[in-house]
Amino acid sequence: MNADPDFTLLVRTLENCGVEIRTEKCEGEGGLVRMQDRHVLFLSVYSPTERKKEMCLDAIRKLMHPRMHVAPRIRKLLGEEEWDE
C-alpha cells in the first residue's frame, strides 16, 4: 500500500483485528464502517499518507481498549494519555 513503516504497522494492526482495509477512489476521505458482522476501513486514494494514518489511528481508538495488546509503536502514535498501563 505505502512505503511508510508506521502506516504499514497501523494497517497490519487493524487487519490482525479483523478489519478489512479498502483503498477506493471516493470523493470523501472514507472512514470505518460496520458491514453486518465485520468492520471495513475505507481510505481514499486521494488522501495523503498522514491523513490515512490518522484515520487508522481513529479506527484503532474505536475498536481497541487499554487491556488489549498493541505494539509499543502504536501506543506511542496513539499518545501515552490513551493508555492506562
Protein backbone atom coordinates (compact mmCIF):
# COMPACT_ATOMS: atom_id res chain seq x y z
CA MET A 1 0.00 0.00 0.00
CA ASN A 2 2.58 2.54 1.10
CA ALA A 3 6.29 2.69 2.00
CA ASP A 4 5.66 4.49 5.33
CA PRO A 5 6.53 1.94 8.08
CA ASP A 6 4.08 3.46 10.57
CA PHE A 7 1.25 3.27 8.05
CA THR A 8 2.15 -0.35 7.30
CA LEU A 9 2.14 -1.17 11.03
CA LEU A 10 -1.24 0.54 11.51
CA VAL A 11 -2.77 -1.38 8.61
CA ARG A 12 -1.37 -4.70 9.88
CA THR A 13 -2.69 -3.98 13.37
CA LEU A 14 -6.18 -3.34 12.03
CA GLU A 15 -6.06 -6.37 9.76
CA ASN A 16 -4.97 -8.54 12.72
CA CYS A 17 -8.11 -7.32 14.49
CA GLY A 18 -10.24 -8.48 11.58
CA VAL A 19 -10.71 -5.09 9.91
CA GLU A 20 -10.74 -5.12 6.13
CA ILE A 21 -8.82 -2.17 4.65
CA ARG A 22 -10.08 -0.91 1.31
CA THR A 23 -8.47 1.90 -0.65
CA GLU A 24 -11.02 3.37 -3.02
CA LYS A 25 -11.46 6.29 -5.38
CA CYS A 26 -14.03 8.30 -3.46
CA GLU A 27 -14.94 11.94 -3.03
CA GLY A 28 -14.73 11.89 0.77
CA GLU A 29 -11.90 10.68 2.95
CA GLY A 30 -13.57 7.39 3.81
CA GLY A 31 -13.92 6.00 7.31
CA LEU A 32 -14.66 2.98 9.46
CA VAL A 33 -17.97 1.23 8.87
CA ARG A 34 -19.58 -1.91 10.18
CA MET A 35 -20.94 -4.20 7.50
CA GLN A 36 -23.01 -6.99 9.05
CA ASP A 37 -20.53 -8.82 11.27
CA ARG A 38 -17.29 -7.14 10.18
CA HIS A 39 -15.57 -3.77 10.12
CA VAL A 40 -14.23 -2.15 6.96
CA LEU A 41 -11.97 0.90 6.87
CA PHE A 42 -12.32 2.80 3.62
CA LEU A 43 -9.39 5.05 2.72
CA SER A 44 -9.42 7.44 -0.22
CA VAL A 45 -6.63 7.05 -2.76
CA TYR A 46 -6.60 10.86 -2.89
CA SER A 47 -5.83 11.34 0.82
CA PRO A 48 -2.21 11.96 1.80
CA THR A 49 -0.48 9.27 3.86
CA GLU A 50 -0.60 11.38 7.02
CA ARG A 51 -4.40 11.59 6.80
CA LYS A 52 -4.65 7.85 6.16
CA LYS A 53 -2.54 7.25 9.28
CA GLU A 54 -4.87 9.50 11.30
CA MET A 55 -7.87 7.53 10.03
CA CYS A 56 -6.19 4.25 11.00
CA LEU A 57 -5.45 5.61 14.48
CA ASP A 58 -9.07 6.76 14.84
CA ALA A 59 -10.25 3.27 13.89
CA ILE A 60 -7.89 1.68 16.42
CA ARG A 61 -9.18 4.03 19.12
CA LYS A 62 -12.75 2.97 18.36
CA LEU A 63 -12.01 -0.74 18.32
CA MET A 64 -9.36 -1.20 20.99
CA HIS A 65 -9.28 -0.88 24.72
CA PRO A 66 -6.26 -0.40 27.01
CA ARG A 67 -6.02 -4.05 28.08
CA MET A 68 -5.57 -5.31 24.53
CA HIS A 69 -2.05 -5.96 23.33
CA VAL A 70 -0.94 -3.28 20.91
CA ALA A 71 2.62 -2.80 19.69
CA PRO A 72 4.57 -0.14 21.62
CA ARG A 73 4.97 1.92 18.43
CA ILE A 74 1.18 2.02 18.01
CA ARG A 75 0.75 3.11 21.65
CA LYS A 76 3.26 5.88 21.02
CA LEU A 77 1.36 7.01 17.90
CA LEU A 78 -1.87 6.99 19.91
CA GLY A 79 -0.30 9.08 22.66
CA GLU A 80 0.54 7.98 26.17
CA GLU A 81 -2.63 9.53 27.59
CA GLU A 82 -4.65 6.97 25.63
CA TRP A 83 -3.24 4.08 27.67
CA ASP A 84 -3.62 3.43 31.36
CA GLU A 85 -0.90 0.86 32.00
